[in-house]
PDB file of N, CA and C in Angstrom:
ATOM      1  N   UNK A   1      57.356   5.804  30.974  1.00  0.00           N
ATOM      2  CA  UNK A   1      57.231   6.794  29.819  1.00  0.00           C
ATOM      3  C   UNK A   1      58.025   6.763  28.761  1.00  0.00           C
ATOM      4  N   UNK A   2      58.305   7.326  27.739  1.00  0.00           N
ATOM      5  CA  UNK A   2      59.219   7.055  26.745  1.00  0.00           C
ATOM      6  C   UNK A   2      60.255   8.317  26.839  1.00  0.00           C
ATOM      7  N   UNK A   3      61.547   8.386  26.693  1.00  0.00           N
ATOM      8  CA  UNK A   3      62.316   9.464  26.790  1.00  0.00           C
ATOM      9  C   UNK A   3      63.302   9.173  25.551  1.00  0.00           C
ATOM     10  N   UNK A   4      63.800  10.396  25.440  1.00  0.00           N
ATOM     11  CA  UNK A   4      64.874  10.225  24.445  1.00  0.00           C
ATOM     12  C   UNK A   4      66.099  10.195  24.409  1.00  0.00           C
ATOM     13  N   UNK A   5      67.011   9.609  23.423  1.00  0.00           N
ATOM     14  CA  UNK A   5      68.285   8.901  23.585  1.00  0.00           C
ATOM     15  C   UNK A   5      69.075  10.083  24.678  1.00  0.00           C
ATOM     16  N   UNK A   6      69.264  11.127  24.327  1.00  0.00           N
ATOM     17  CA  UNK A   6      69.990  12.092  25.224  1.00  0.00           C
ATOM     18  C   UNK A   6      69.778  12.037  26.682  1.00  0.00           C
ATOM     19  N   UNK A   7      68.637  11.957  27.013  1.00  0.00           N
ATOM     20  CA  UNK A   7      68.010  11.786  28.176  1.00  0.00           C
ATOM     21  C   UNK A   7      68.429  10.675  28.564  1.00  0.00           C
ATOM     22  N   UNK A   8      68.306   9.434  28.053  1.00  0.00           N
ATOM     23  CA  UNK A   8      68.900   8.154  28.541  1.00  0.00           C
ATOM     24  C   UNK A   8      70.571   8.177  28.816  1.00  0.00           C
ATOM     25  N   UNK A   9      71.124   9.061  27.959  1.00  0.00           N
ATOM     26  CA  UNK A   9      72.554   9.045  28.026  1.00  0.00           C
ATOM     27  C   UNK A   9      72.791   9.786  29.406  1.00  0.00           C
ATOM     28  N   UNK A  10      72.005  10.805  29.469  1.00  0.00           N
ATOM     29  CA  UNK A  10      72.241  11.467  30.910  1.00  0.00           C
ATOM     30  C   UNK A  10      72.028  10.514  32.032  1.00  0.00           C
ATOM     31  N   UNK A  11      70.992  10.063  31.971  1.00  0.00           N
ATOM     32  CA  UNK A  11      70.520   9.249  33.207  1.00  0.00           C
ATOM     33  C   UNK A  11      71.407   8.186  33.459  1.00  0.00           C
ATOM     34  N   UNK A  12      72.001   7.472  32.235  1.00  0.00           N
ATOM     35  CA  UNK A  12      73.113   6.381  32.528  1.00  0.00           C
ATOM     36  C   UNK A  12      74.274   7.155  32.867  1.00  0.00           C
ATOM     37  N   UNK A  13      74.757   8.348  32.556  1.00  0.00           N
ATOM     38  CA  UNK A  13      76.046   8.772  33.306  1.00  0.00           C
ATOM     39  C   UNK A  13      75.718   9.167  34.688  1.00  0.00           C
ATOM     40  N   UNK A  14      74.517   9.513  34.801  1.00  0.00           N
ATOM     41  CA  UNK A  14      74.240   9.984  36.426  1.00  0.00           C
ATOM     42  C   UNK A  14      74.415   8.378  37.496  1.00  0.00           C
ATOM     43  N   UNK A  15      73.880   7.484  36.763  1.00  0.00           N
ATOM     44  CA  UNK A  15      73.874   6.090  37.501  1.00  0.00           C
ATOM     45  C   UNK A  15      75.405   5.601  37.646  1.00  0.00           C
ATOM     46  N   UNK A  16      76.464   6.092  36.468  1.00  0.00           N
ATOM     47  CA  UNK A  16      77.809   5.722  36.453  1.00  0.00           C
ATOM     48  C   UNK A  16      78.399   6.435  37.769  1.00  0.00           C
ATOM     49  N   UNK A  17      78.022   7.794  37.817  1.00  0.00           N
ATOM     50  CA  UNK A  17      78.701   8.505  39.086  1.00  0.00           C
ATOM     51  C   UNK A  17      78.477   8.072  40.503  1.00  0.00           C
ATOM     52  N   UNK A  18      77.187   7.630  40.536  1.00  0.00           N
ATOM     53  CA  UNK A  18      76.952   6.891  41.557  1.00  0.00           C
ATOM     54  C   UNK A  18      76.934   5.701  42.306  1.00  0.00           C
ATOM     55  N   UNK A  19      77.330   4.665  40.874  1.00  0.00           N
ATOM     56  CA  UNK A  19      77.796   3.699  40.959  1.00  0.00           C
ATOM     57  C   UNK A  19      78.678   3.319  39.975  1.00  0.00           C
ATOM     58  N   UNK A  20      80.123   3.496  39.920  1.00  0.00           N
ATOM     59  CA  UNK A  20      80.740   3.431  38.858  1.00  0.00           C
ATOM     60  C   UNK A  20      81.503   2.007  38.656  1.00  0.00           C
ATOM     61  N   UNK A  21      81.118   1.251  39.153  1.00  0.00           N
ATOM     62  CA  UNK A  21      81.414  -0.202  38.962  1.00  0.00           C
ATOM     63  C   UNK A  21      80.038  -1.053  38.511  1.00  0.00           C
ATOM     64  N   UNK A  22      79.332  -0.209  38.034  1.00  0.00           N
ATOM     65  CA  UNK A  22      77.996  -1.158  37.588  1.00  0.00           C
ATOM     66  C   UNK A  22      78.127  -1.288  36.118  1.00  0.00           C
ATOM     67  N   UNK A  23      78.379  -2.839  36.015  1.00  0.00           N
ATOM     68  CA  UNK A  23      78.384  -3.137  34.423  1.00  0.00           C
ATOM     69  C   UNK A  23      77.018  -2.516  34.029  1.00  0.00           C
ATOM     70  N   UNK A  24      75.841  -3.151  34.437  1.00  0.00           N
ATOM     71  CA  UNK A  24      74.661  -2.576  33.634  1.00  0.00           C
ATOM     72  C   UNK A  24      74.603  -1.407  33.252  1.00  0.00           C
ATOM     73  N   UNK A  25      74.988  -0.279  34.068  1.00  0.00           N
ATOM     74  CA  UNK A  25      75.075   1.270  33.598  1.00  0.00           C
ATOM     75  C   UNK A  25      75.898   1.338  32.373  1.00  0.00           C
ATOM     76  N   UNK A  26      77.032   0.803  32.642  1.00  0.00           N
ATOM     77  CA  UNK A  26      77.956   0.942  31.451  1.00  0.00           C
ATOM     78  C   UNK A  26      77.471   0.281  30.271  1.00  0.00           C
ATOM     79  N   UNK A  27      76.705  -0.892  30.365  1.00  0.00           N
ATOM     80  CA  UNK A  27      76.465  -1.338  29.185  1.00  0.00           C
ATOM     81  C   UNK A  27      75.110  -0.656  28.530  1.00  0.00           C
ATOM     82  N   UNK A  28      74.309  -0.306  29.210  1.00  0.00           N
ATOM     83  CA  UNK A  28      73.148   0.718  28.747  1.00  0.00           C
ATOM     84  C   UNK A  28      73.541   1.823  28.213  1.00  0.00           C
ATOM     85  N   UNK A  29      74.557   2.578  28.927  1.00  0.00           N
ATOM     86  CA  UNK A  29      75.330   3.877  28.015  1.00  0.00           C
ATOM     87  C   UNK A  29      75.654   3.339  26.898  1.00  0.00           C
ATOM     88  N   UNK A  30      76.637   2.471  26.723  1.00  0.00           N
ATOM     89  CA  UNK A  30      76.995   2.030  25.516  1.00  0.00           C
ATOM     90  C   UNK A  30      75.839   1.616  24.441  1.00  0.00           C
ATOM     91  N   UNK A  31      74.688   1.121  24.769  1.00  0.00           N
ATOM     92  CA  UNK A  31      73.607   0.854  23.967  1.00  0.00           C
ATOM     93  C   UNK A  31      73.130   2.159  23.423  1.00  0.00           C
ATOM     94  N   UNK A  32      72.986   3.164  24.049  1.00  0.00           N
ATOM     95  CA  UNK A  32      72.561   4.630  23.952  1.00  0.00           C
ATOM     96  C   UNK A  32      73.390   5.315  23.212  1.00  0.00           C
ATOM     97  N   UNK A  33      74.620   5.382  23.471  1.00  0.00           N
ATOM     98  CA  UNK A  33      75.509   5.884  22.523  1.00  0.00           C
ATOM     99  C   UNK A  33      75.652   5.210  21.302  1.00  0.00           C
ATOM    100  N   UNK A  34      75.526   4.013  20.944  1.00  0.00           N
ATOM    101  CA  UNK A  34      75.363   3.293  19.891  1.00  0.00           C
ATOM    102  C   UNK A  34      74.290   3.795  18.903  1.00  0.00           C
ATOM    103  N   UNK A  35      73.183   3.854  19.757  1.00  0.00           N
ATOM    104  CA  UNK A  35      72.063   4.321  19.053  1.00  0.00           C
ATOM    105  C   UNK A  35      71.636   5.637  18.569  1.00  0.00           C
ATOM    106  N   UNK A  36      72.686   6.343  19.180  1.00  0.00           N
ATOM    107  CA  UNK A  36      72.842   7.861  18.707  1.00  0.00           C
ATOM    108  C   UNK A  36      73.792   8.184  17.788  1.00  0.00           C
ATOM    109  N   UNK A  37      74.356   7.205  17.304  1.00  0.00           N
ATOM    110  CA  UNK A  37      75.276   7.148  16.399  1.00  0.00           C
ATOM    111  C   UNK A  37      76.700   7.506  16.832  1.00  0.00           C
ATOM    112  N   UNK A  38      77.123   7.352  18.076  1.00  0.00           N
ATOM    113  CA  UNK A  38      78.436   7.641  18.589  1.00  0.00           C
ATOM    114  C   UNK A  38      78.986   6.341  18.916  1.00  0.00           C
ATOM    115  N   UNK A  39      79.563   5.344  17.841  1.00  0.00           N
ATOM    116  CA  UNK A  39      80.040   4.214  18.106  1.00  0.00           C
ATOM    117  C   UNK A  39      81.177   4.168  18.836  1.00  0.00           C
ATOM    118  N   UNK A  40      82.279   5.234  18.647  1.00  0.00           N
ATOM    119  CA  UNK A  40      83.508   5.308  19.478  1.00  0.00           C
ATOM    120  C   UNK A  40      83.231   5.339  20.945  1.00  0.00           C
ATOM    121  N   UNK A  41      82.088   6.189  21.062  1.00  0.00           N
ATOM    122  CA  UNK A  41      81.895   6.290  22.615  1.00  0.00           C
ATOM    123  C   UNK A  41      81.385   5.068  23.304  1.00  0.00           C
ATOM    124  N   UNK A  42      80.540   4.390  22.489  1.00  0.00           N
ATOM    125  CA  UNK A  42      79.877   3.135  22.625  1.00  0.00           C
ATOM    126  C   UNK A  42      80.797   1.766  23.003  1.00  0.00           C
ATOM    127  N   UNK A  43      81.757   1.899  22.317  1.00  0.00           N
ATOM    128  CA  UNK A  43      83.083   1.118  22.162  1.00  0.00           C
ATOM    129  C   UNK A  43      83.747   0.868  23.791  1.00  0.00           C
ATOM    130  N   UNK A  44      84.006   2.411  23.917  1.00  0.00           N
ATOM    131  CA  UNK A  44      84.807   2.475  25.212  1.00  0.00           C
ATOM    132  C   UNK A  44      83.812   2.044  26.264  1.00  0.00           C
ATOM    133  N   UNK A  45      82.571   2.455  26.377  1.00  0.00           N
ATOM    134  CA  UNK A  45      81.737   2.198  27.519  1.00  0.00           C
ATOM    135  C   UNK A  45      81.510   0.276  27.554  1.00  0.00           C
ATOM    136  N   UNK A  46      81.641  -0.281  26.479  1.00  0.00           N
ATOM    137  CA  UNK A  46      81.354  -1.550  26.406  1.00  0.00           C
ATOM    138  C   UNK A  46      82.720  -2.089  26.921  1.00  0.00           C
ATOM    139  N   UNK A  47      84.140  -1.509  26.453  1.00  0.00           N
ATOM    140  CA  UNK A  47      85.057  -2.138  27.026  1.00  0.00           C
ATOM    141  C   UNK A  47      85.146  -1.822  28.439  1.00  0.00           C
ATOM    142  N   UNK A  48      84.881  -0.931  29.153  1.00  0.00           N
ATOM    143  CA  UNK A  48      84.869  -0.699  30.669  1.00  0.00           C
ATOM    144  C   UNK A  48      83.843  -1.709  31.185  1.00  0.00           C
ATOM    145  N   UNK A  49      82.871  -2.093  30.706  1.00  0.00           N
ATOM    146  CA  UNK A  49      81.789  -3.029  31.038  1.00  0.00           C
ATOM    147  C   UNK A  49      82.315  -4.541  30.918  1.00  0.00           C
ATOM    148  N   UNK A  50      83.131  -4.556  30.003  1.00  0.00           N
ATOM    149  CA  UNK A  50      84.104  -6.020  29.882  1.00  0.00           C
ATOM    150  C   UNK A  50      85.103  -5.861  31.180  1.00  0.00           C
ATOM    151  N   UNK A  51      85.705  -4.885  31.441  1.00  0.00           N
ATOM    152  CA  UNK A  51      86.639  -5.047  32.439  1.00  0.00           C
ATOM    153  C   UNK A  51      86.249  -5.030  33.866  1.00  0.00           C
ATOM    154  N   UNK A  52      84.841  -4.706  34.005  1.00  0.00           N
ATOM    155  CA  UNK A  52      84.303  -4.493  35.293  1.00  0.00           C
ATOM    156  C   UNK A  52      83.478  -6.189  35.419  1.00  0.00           C
ATOM    157  N   UNK A  53      83.173  -6.776  34.413  1.00  0.00           N
ATOM    158  CA  UNK A  53      82.397  -7.857  34.572  1.00  0.00           C
ATOM    159  C   UNK A  53      83.398  -9.191  34.498  1.00  0.00           C
ATOM    160  N   UNK A  54      84.306  -8.859  34.196  1.00  0.00           N
ATOM    161  CA  UNK A  54      85.245 -10.034  33.941  1.00  0.00           C
ATOM    162  C   UNK A  54      84.815 -11.160  33.085  1.00  0.00           C
ATOM    163  N   UNK A  55      84.416 -12.360  33.760  1.00  0.00           N
ATOM    164  CA  UNK A  55      83.775 -13.298  33.184  1.00  0.00           C
ATOM    165  C   UNK A  55      82.383 -13.616  33.659  1.00  0.00           C
ATOM    166  N   UNK A  56      82.206 -12.709  34.333  1.00  0.00           N
ATOM    167  CA  UNK A  56      80.507 -12.778  35.177  1.00  0.00           C
ATOM    168  C   UNK A  56      79.798 -12.631  34.151  1.00  0.00           C
ATOM    169  N   UNK A  57      79.752 -12.180  32.868  1.00  0.00           N
ATOM    170  CA  UNK A  57      78.336 -12.031  31.714  1.00  0.00           C
ATOM    171  C   UNK A  57      79.229 -11.769  30.492  1.00  0.00           C
ATOM    172  N   UNK A  58      78.509 -12.512  29.391  1.00  0.00           N
ATOM    173  CA  UNK A  58      79.062 -12.290  28.157  1.00  0.00           C
ATOM    174  C   UNK A  58      78.515 -11.292  27.443  1.00  0.00           C
ATOM    175  N   UNK A  59      77.179 -10.642  28.059  1.00  0.00           N
ATOM    176  CA  UNK A  59      76.737  -9.444  27.434  1.00  0.00           C
ATOM    177  C   UNK A  59      77.629  -8.281  26.895  1.00  0.00           C
ATOM    178  N   UNK A  60      78.624  -7.621  27.707  1.00  0.00           N
ATOM    179  CA  UNK A  60      79.391  -6.754  27.328  1.00  0.00           C
ATOM    180  C   UNK A  60      80.544  -7.219  26.357  1.00  0.00           C
ATOM    181  N   UNK A  61      80.873  -8.286  26.413  1.00  0.00           N
ATOM    182  CA  UNK A  61      81.669  -8.912  25.245  1.00  0.00           C
ATOM    183  C   UNK A  61      81.095  -8.890  24.054  1.00  0.00           C
ATOM    184  N   UNK A  62      79.760  -9.740  24.028  1.00  0.00           N
ATOM    185  CA  UNK A  62      78.825  -9.604  22.808  1.00  0.00           C
ATOM    186  C   UNK A  62      78.769  -8.249  22.334  1.00  0.00           C
ATOM    187  N   UNK A  63      78.452  -6.821  23.107  1.00  0.00           N
ATOM    188  CA  UNK A  63      78.352  -5.916  22.499  1.00  0.00           C
ATOM    189  C   UNK A  63      79.366  -5.410  22.013  1.00  0.00           C
ATOM    190  N   UNK A  64      80.531  -5.541  22.650  1.00  0.00           N
ATOM    191  CA  UNK A  64      81.634  -4.888  22.400  1.00  0.00           C
ATOM    192  C   UNK A  64      82.329  -5.709  20.900  1.00  0.00           C
ATOM    193  N   UNK A  65      82.185  -6.745  20.862  1.00  0.00           N
ATOM    194  CA  UNK A  65      82.487  -7.565  19.545  1.00  0.00           C
ATOM    195  C   UNK A  65      81.880  -7.194  18.426  1.00  0.00           C
ATOM    196  N   UNK A  66      80.638  -7.062  18.524  1.00  0.00           N
ATOM    197  CA  UNK A  66      79.431  -6.545  17.525  1.00  0.00           C
ATOM    198  C   UNK A  66      79.776  -5.180  17.117  1.00  0.00           C
ATOM    199  N   UNK A  67      80.056  -4.346  18.075  1.00  0.00           N
ATOM    200  CA  UNK A  67      80.198  -2.787  17.693  1.00  0.00           C
ATOM    201  C   UNK A  67      81.556  -2.706  17.062  1.00  0.00           C
ATOM    202  N   UNK A  68      82.461  -3.440  17.428  1.00  0.00           N
ATOM    203  CA  UNK A  68      83.841  -3.485  16.842  1.00  0.00           C
ATOM    204  C   UNK A  68      84.006  -3.956  15.020  1.00  0.00           C
ATOM    205  N   UNK A  69      82.972  -4.843  15.162  1.00  0.00           N
ATOM    206  CA  UNK A  69      82.688  -5.430  13.740  1.00  0.00           C
ATOM    207  C   UNK A  69      81.782  -4.474  12.904  1.00  0.00           C
ATOM    208  N   UNK A  70      81.000  -3.926  13.595  1.00  0.00           N
ATOM    209  CA  UNK A  70      80.447  -2.869  12.791  1.00  0.00           C
ATOM    210  C   UNK A  70      81.213  -1.641  12.707  1.00  0.00           C
ATOM    211  N   UNK A  71      81.989  -1.096  13.475  1.00  0.00           N
ATOM    212  CA  UNK A  71      82.910  -0.111  13.105  1.00  0.00           C
ATOM    213  C   UNK A  71      83.747  -0.480  12.056  1.00  0.00           C
ATOM    214  N   UNK A  72      84.256  -1.964  11.651  1.00  0.00           N
ATOM    215  CA  UNK A  72      85.131  -2.361  10.737  1.00  0.00           C
ATOM    216  C   UNK A  72      84.548  -2.305   9.305  1.00  0.00           C
ATOM    217  N   UNK A  73      82.908  -2.430   9.329  1.00  0.00           N
ATOM    218  CA  UNK A  73      82.182  -2.423   8.173  1.00  0.00           C
ATOM    219  C   UNK A  73      82.340  -0.932   7.725  1.00  0.00           C
ATOM    220  N   UNK A  74      82.346   0.188   8.660  1.00  0.00           N
ATOM    221  CA  UNK A  74      82.448   1.293   8.149  1.00  0.00           C
ATOM    222  C   UNK A  74      83.775   2.030   7.854  1.00  0.00           C
ATOM    223  N   UNK A  75      84.877   1.413   8.120  1.00  0.00           N
ATOM    224  CA  UNK A  75      86.380   1.548   7.806  1.00  0.00           C
ATOM    225  C   UNK A  75      86.990   0.780   6.890  1.00  0.00           C
ATOM    226  N   UNK A  76      88.130   1.710   6.355  1.00  0.00           N
ATOM    227  CA  UNK A  76      88.751   0.994   5.502  1.00  0.00           C
ATOM    228  C   UNK A  76      89.893  -0.017   5.873  1.00  0.00           C
ATOM    229  N   UNK A  77      89.933  -0.005   7.271  1.00  0.00           N
ATOM    230  CA  UNK A  77      91.087  -1.030   7.863  1.00  0.00           C
ATOM    231  C   UNK A  77      90.006  -2.153   8.304  1.00  0.00           C
ATOM    232  N   UNK A  78      89.137  -2.654   7.456  1.00  0.00           N
ATOM    233  CA  UNK A  78      88.431  -3.541   7.856  1.00  0.00           C
ATOM    234  C   UNK A  78      88.848  -4.820   8.469  1.00  0.00           C
ATOM    235  N   UNK A  79      90.149  -5.471   8.022  1.00  0.00           N
ATOM    236  CA  UNK A  79      90.760  -6.690   8.500  1.00  0.00           C
ATOM    237  C   UNK A  79      91.161  -6.418   9.845  1.00  0.00           C
ATOM    238  N   UNK A  80      92.003  -5.322  10.026  1.00  0.00           N
ATOM    239  CA  UNK A  80      92.379  -4.980  11.305  1.00  0.00           C
ATOM    240  C   UNK A  80      91.365  -4.884  12.367  1.00  0.00           C
ATOM    241  N   UNK A  81      90.244  -3.916  12.095  1.00  0.00           N
ATOM    242  CA  UNK A  81      88.891  -4.121  13.079  1.00  0.00           C
ATOM    243  C   UNK A  81      88.453  -5.003  13.306  1.00  0.00           C
ATOM    244  N   UNK A  82      88.087  -6.261  12.237  1.00  0.00           N
ATOM    245  CA  UNK A  82      87.607  -7.306  12.550  1.00  0.00           C
ATOM    246  C   UNK A  82      88.462  -8.302  13.611  1.00  0.00           C
ATOM    247  N   UNK A  83      89.644  -8.055  13.131  1.00  0.00           N
ATOM    248  CA  UNK A  83      90.572  -9.008  14.138  1.00  0.00           C
ATOM    249  C   UNK A  83      90.516  -8.543  15.587  1.00  0.00           C
ATOM    250  N   UNK A  84      90.143  -7.247  15.749  1.00  0.00           N
ATOM    251  CA  UNK A  84      89.732  -6.862  17.279  1.00  0.00           C
ATOM    252  C   UNK A  84      88.641  -7.441  17.742  1.00  0.00           C
ATOM    253  N   UNK A  85      87.762  -7.513  17.024  1.00  0.00           N
ATOM    254  CA  UNK A  85      86.446  -8.028  17.670  1.00  0.00           C
ATOM    255  C   UNK A  85      86.275  -9.567  17.830  1.00  0.00           C
ATOM    256  N   UNK A  86      87.209 -10.286  16.949  1.00  0.00           N
ATOM    257  CA  UNK A  86      87.010 -11.621  17.088  1.00  0.00           C
ATOM    258  C   UNK A  86      87.338 -12.297  18.583  1.00  0.00           C
ATOM    259  N   UNK A  87      88.410 -11.870  18.863  1.00  0.00           N
ATOM    260  CA  UNK A  87      88.831 -12.529  20.310  1.00  0.00           C
ATOM    261  C   UNK A  87      87.136 -12.594  21.537  1.00  0.00           C
ATOM    262  N   UNK A  88      86.529 -11.427  21.291  1.00  0.00           N
ATOM    263  CA  UNK A  88      85.362 -11.224  22.043  1.00  0.00           C
ATOM    264  C   UNK A  88      84.506 -12.253  21.521  1.00  0.00           C
ATOM    265  N   UNK A  89      84.118 -12.266  20.533  1.00  0.00           N
ATOM    266  CA  UNK A  89      83.198 -13.457  20.129  1.00  0.00           C
ATOM    267  C   UNK A  89      83.536 -14.720  20.537  1.00  0.00           C
ATOM    268  N   UNK A  90      84.976 -15.295  20.402  1.00  0.00           N
ATOM    269  CA  UNK A  90      85.226 -16.512  20.617  1.00  0.00           C
ATOM    270  C   UNK A  90      85.252 -16.709  21.962  1.00  0.00           C
ATOM    271  N   UNK A  91      85.392 -15.703  22.953  1.00  0.00           N
ATOM    272  CA  UNK A  91      85.337 -15.838  24.403  1.00  0.00           C
ATOM    273  C   UNK A  91      83.765 -15.878  24.679  1.00  0.00           C
ATOM    274  N   UNK A  92      82.943 -15.251  23.952  1.00  0.00           N
ATOM    275  CA  UNK A  92      81.310 -15.269  24.073  1.00  0.00           C
ATOM    276  C   UNK A  92      80.965 -16.805  24.014  1.00  0.00           C
ATOM    277  N   UNK A  93      81.663 -17.186  22.752  1.00  0.00           N
ATOM    278  CA  UNK A  93      80.954 -18.785  22.675  1.00  0.00           C
ATOM    279  C   UNK A  93      81.119 -19.433  23.667  1.00  0.00           C
ATOM    280  N   UNK A  94      82.542 -19.403  24.501  1.00  0.00           N
ATOM    281  CA  UNK A  94      82.825 -20.250  25.596  1.00  0.00           C
ATOM    282  C   UNK A  94      81.996 -19.913  26.792  1.00  0.00           C
ATOM    283  N   UNK A  95      81.850 -18.901  26.945  1.00  0.00           N
ATOM    284  CA  UNK A  95      80.863 -18.119  27.980  1.00  0.00           C
ATOM    285  C   UNK A  95      79.418 -18.916  27.756  1.00  0.00           C
ATOM    286  N   UNK A  96      79.081 -19.017  26.554  1.00  0.00           N
ATOM    287  CA  UNK A  96      77.634 -19.480  26.272  1.00  0.00           C
ATOM    288  C   UNK A  96      77.484 -20.696  26.843  1.00  0.00           C
ATOM    289  N   UNK A  97      78.878 -21.434  26.749  1.00  0.00           N
ATOM    290  CA  UNK A  97      78.592 -22.939  27.268  1.00  0.00           C
ATOM    291  C   UNK A  97      78.487 -23.004  28.743  1.00  0.00           C
ATOM    292  N   UNK A  98      78.849 -21.814  29.623  1.00  0.00           N
ATOM    293  CA  UNK A  98      78.703 -21.472  30.964  1.00  0.00           C
ATOM    294  C   UNK A  98      77.444 -20.726  31.340  1.00  0.00           C
ATOM    295  N   UNK A  99      77.118 -19.967  30.508  1.00  0.00           N
ATOM    296  CA  UNK A  99      75.884 -19.238  30.973  1.00  0.00           C
ATOM    297  C   UNK A  99      74.876 -19.351  29.628  1.00  0.00           C
ATOM    298  N   UNK A 100      74.308 -20.416  29.546  1.00  0.00           N
ATOM    299  CA  UNK A 100      73.192 -20.648  28.470  1.00  0.00           C
ATOM    300  C   UNK A 100      71.946 -19.463  28.161  1.00  0.00           C
ATOM    301  N   UNK A 101      71.747 -18.641  29.310  1.00  0.00           N
ATOM    302  CA  UNK A 101      70.731 -17.752  29.122  1.00  0.00           C
ATOM    303  C   UNK A 101      71.418 -16.562  28.168  1.00  0.00           C
ATOM    304  N   UNK A 102      72.648 -16.419  28.277  1.00  0.00           N
ATOM    305  CA  UNK A 102      73.161 -15.379  27.068  1.00  0.00           C
ATOM    306  C   UNK A 102      73.400 -15.800  25.571  1.00  0.00           C
ATOM    307  N   UNK A 103      72.873 -17.036  25.504  1.00  0.00           N
ATOM    308  CA  UNK A 103      72.786 -17.580  24.041  1.00  0.00           C
ATOM    309  C   UNK A 103      71.627 -16.756  23.179  1.00  0.00           C
ATOM    310  N   UNK A 104      70.363 -16.676  23.875  1.00  0.00           N
ATOM    311  CA  UNK A 104      69.304 -15.979  23.519  1.00  0.00           C
ATOM    312  C   UNK A 104      69.694 -14.537  23.200  1.00  0.00           C
ATOM    313  N   UNK A 105      70.094 -14.016  24.029  1.00  0.00           N
ATOM    314  CA  UNK A 105      70.907 -12.442  23.872  1.00  0.00           C
ATOM    315  C   UNK A 105      71.640 -12.261  22.705  1.00  0.00           C
ATOM    316  N   UNK A 106      72.612 -13.327  22.626  1.00  0.00           N
ATOM    317  CA  UNK A 106      73.573 -13.217  21.591  1.00  0.00           C
ATOM    318  C   UNK A 106      72.896 -13.557  20.056  1.00  0.00           C
ATOM    319  N   UNK A 107      72.271 -14.235  20.032  1.00  0.00           N
ATOM    320  CA  UNK A 107      71.317 -14.348  18.846  1.00  0.00           C
ATOM    321  C   UNK A 107      70.550 -12.942  18.501  1.00  0.00           C
ATOM    322  N   UNK A 108      69.969 -12.485  19.423  1.00  0.00           N
ATOM    323  CA  UNK A 108      69.159 -11.384  18.894  1.00  0.00           C
ATOM    324  C   UNK A 108      70.051 -10.079  18.606  1.00  0.00           C
ATOM    325  N   UNK A 109      71.473  -9.909  19.350  1.00  0.00           N
ATOM    326  CA  UNK A 109      72.190  -9.034  19.225  1.00  0.00           C
ATOM    327  C   UNK A 109      72.716  -9.209  17.591  1.00  0.00           C
ATOM    328  N   UNK A 110      73.042 -10.222  17.281  1.00  0.00           N
ATOM    329  CA  UNK A 110      73.658 -10.919  15.823  1.00  0.00           C
ATOM    330  C   UNK A 110      72.798 -10.619  14.762  1.00  0.00           C
ATOM    331  N   UNK A 111      71.333 -10.964  15.153  1.00  0.00           N
ATOM    332  CA  UNK A 111      70.205 -10.716  14.161  1.00  0.00           C
ATOM    333  C   UNK A 111      70.393  -9.406  13.806  1.00  0.00           C
ATOM    334  N   UNK A 112      70.131  -8.299  14.878  1.00  0.00           N
ATOM    335  CA  UNK A 112      69.802  -6.965  14.964  1.00  0.00           C
ATOM    336  C   UNK A 112      71.155  -5.989  13.676  1.00  0.00           C
ATOM    337  N   UNK A 113      72.123  -6.754  14.285  1.00  0.00           N
ATOM    338  CA  UNK A 113      73.551  -6.522  13.631  1.00  0.00           C
ATOM    339  C   UNK A 113      73.859  -6.824  12.085  1.00  0.00           C
ATOM    340  N   UNK A 114      73.448  -7.909  11.947  1.00  0.00           N
ATOM    341  CA  UNK A 114      73.674  -8.570  10.224  1.00  0.00           C
ATOM    342  C   UNK A 114      72.502  -8.758   9.851  1.00  0.00           C
TER     343      UNK A 114
END
């Protein structure tokens, strides 16, 4: 069934309590925070997912890079903020060579963002 964003955030937070090293739980929590308008908290969760996944997945880096750029679009410090997101995009491009299935995910995220 359908659940609201607040419930989804609560469920993901509980999942992190049980499995604090779960990249997926952090990634989804970040998505739900972003959907609720809490971009700062979403970025925090995406950063943690990047740390946990290291180079195993490009999805956290894509989500982080896109979120940082979205934050820059809302900020007066655009150049500084964009420069923080660019390294994640560059690394994702390199990861796409390794993980081809992430390419479709990358395109979907970029399409929805821009």
